[in-house]
Amino acid sequence: MSTDTATPPIPLPLSLKRLVVDLFDAEALRHLASLKESQTRANHRQLDDASVDELAEMLTNNRWPTIGWWKRHAS
């Protein structure tokens, strides 16, 4: 889903943020940070809800999206 305006982040309690971070190892967090930086540089491409779910499932199963996956899912 693409929008012309940036969606503000959802405020989460620190304890919940820590819980989510603890789900990933340092390598996965670095990869996520890299993706976030790439996303910012790529004109804020956004994923639809189904793609976000697919990406979350992929990352929690220690799988990484390929460039092809991003090209198919980022709008």
Protein backbone atom coordinates (compact mmCIF):
# COMPACT_ATOMS: atom_id res chain seq x y z
CA MET A 1 0.00 0.00 0.00
CA SER A 2 1.56 3.31 -1.05
CA THR A 3 0.78 6.63 0.44
CA ASP A 4 2.06 10.10 -0.33
CA THR A 5 2.49 10.99 3.32
CA ALA A 6 4.66 9.23 5.86
CA THR A 7 2.82 7.25 8.48
CA PRO A 8 4.00 8.13 11.98
CA PRO A 9 5.40 5.21 13.94
CA ILE A 10 3.11 3.53 16.43
CA PRO A 11 4.28 4.34 19.95
CA LEU A 12 5.20 1.13 21.75
CA PRO A 13 6.18 0.65 25.38
CA LEU A 14 9.90 0.09 25.90
CA SER A 15 9.24 -3.36 27.37
CA LEU A 16 7.46 -4.43 24.17
CA LYS A 17 10.27 -3.06 22.00
CA ARG A 18 12.80 -5.05 24.06
CA LEU A 19 10.70 -8.19 23.70
CA VAL A 20 10.59 -7.80 19.91
CA VAL A 21 14.34 -7.09 19.71
CA ASP A 22 15.06 -10.20 21.79
CA LEU A 23 13.41 -12.33 19.09
CA PHE A 24 16.33 -11.65 16.73
CA ASP A 25 20.08 -12.18 16.94
CA ALA A 26 22.55 -9.37 16.26
CA GLU A 27 23.02 -10.41 12.62
CA ALA A 28 19.28 -10.29 11.95
CA LEU A 29 18.99 -6.87 13.61
CA ARG A 30 21.85 -5.53 11.47
CA HIS A 31 20.08 -6.90 8.41
CA LEU A 32 16.82 -5.24 9.45
CA ALA A 33 18.63 -1.95 10.04
CA SER A 34 20.19 -2.22 6.59
CA LEU A 35 16.76 -2.84 5.06
CA LYS A 36 15.35 0.15 6.91
CA GLU A 37 18.14 2.38 5.58
CA SER A 38 17.64 1.01 2.06
CA GLN A 39 13.93 1.62 2.31
CA THR A 40 14.51 5.24 3.27
CA ARG A 41 16.83 5.71 0.32
CA ALA A 42 14.38 4.04 -2.05
CA ASN A 43 11.77 6.80 -1.87
CA HIS A 44 9.95 5.27 1.07
CA ARG A 45 8.57 2.30 -0.80
CA GLN A 46 5.92 0.60 1.28
CA LEU A 47 4.66 -2.95 1.61
CA ASP A 48 1.01 -3.93 1.66
CA ASP A 49 -0.32 -5.77 4.70
CA ALA A 50 0.09 -9.24 3.14
CA SER A 51 3.73 -8.48 2.24
CA VAL A 52 4.44 -7.23 5.76
CA ASP A 53 3.03 -10.48 7.16
CA GLU A 54 5.10 -12.52 4.70
CA LEU A 55 8.26 -10.58 5.58
CA ALA A 56 7.65 -10.99 9.32
CA GLU A 57 7.15 -14.74 8.90
CA MET A 58 10.28 -14.97 6.76
CA LEU A 59 12.43 -13.11 9.32
CA THR A 60 11.13 -15.07 12.30
CA ASN A 61 12.08 -18.26 10.42
CA ASN A 62 15.63 -16.95 9.89
CA ARG A 63 15.08 -16.49 6.16
CA TRP A 64 16.05 -13.31 4.31
CA PRO A 65 14.15 -11.59 1.50
CA THR A 66 15.97 -11.51 -1.82
CA ILE A 67 16.27 -8.52 -4.11
CA GLY A 68 13.67 -10.20 -6.31
CA TRP A 69 11.28 -10.46 -3.36
CA TRP A 70 11.64 -6.74 -2.70
CA LYS A 71 11.09 -5.91 -6.36
CA ARG A 72 7.89 -7.97 -6.41
CA HIS A 73 6.51 -6.64 -3.12
CA ALA A 74 7.64 -3.01 -2.80
CA SER A 75 5.45 -0.50 -4.55
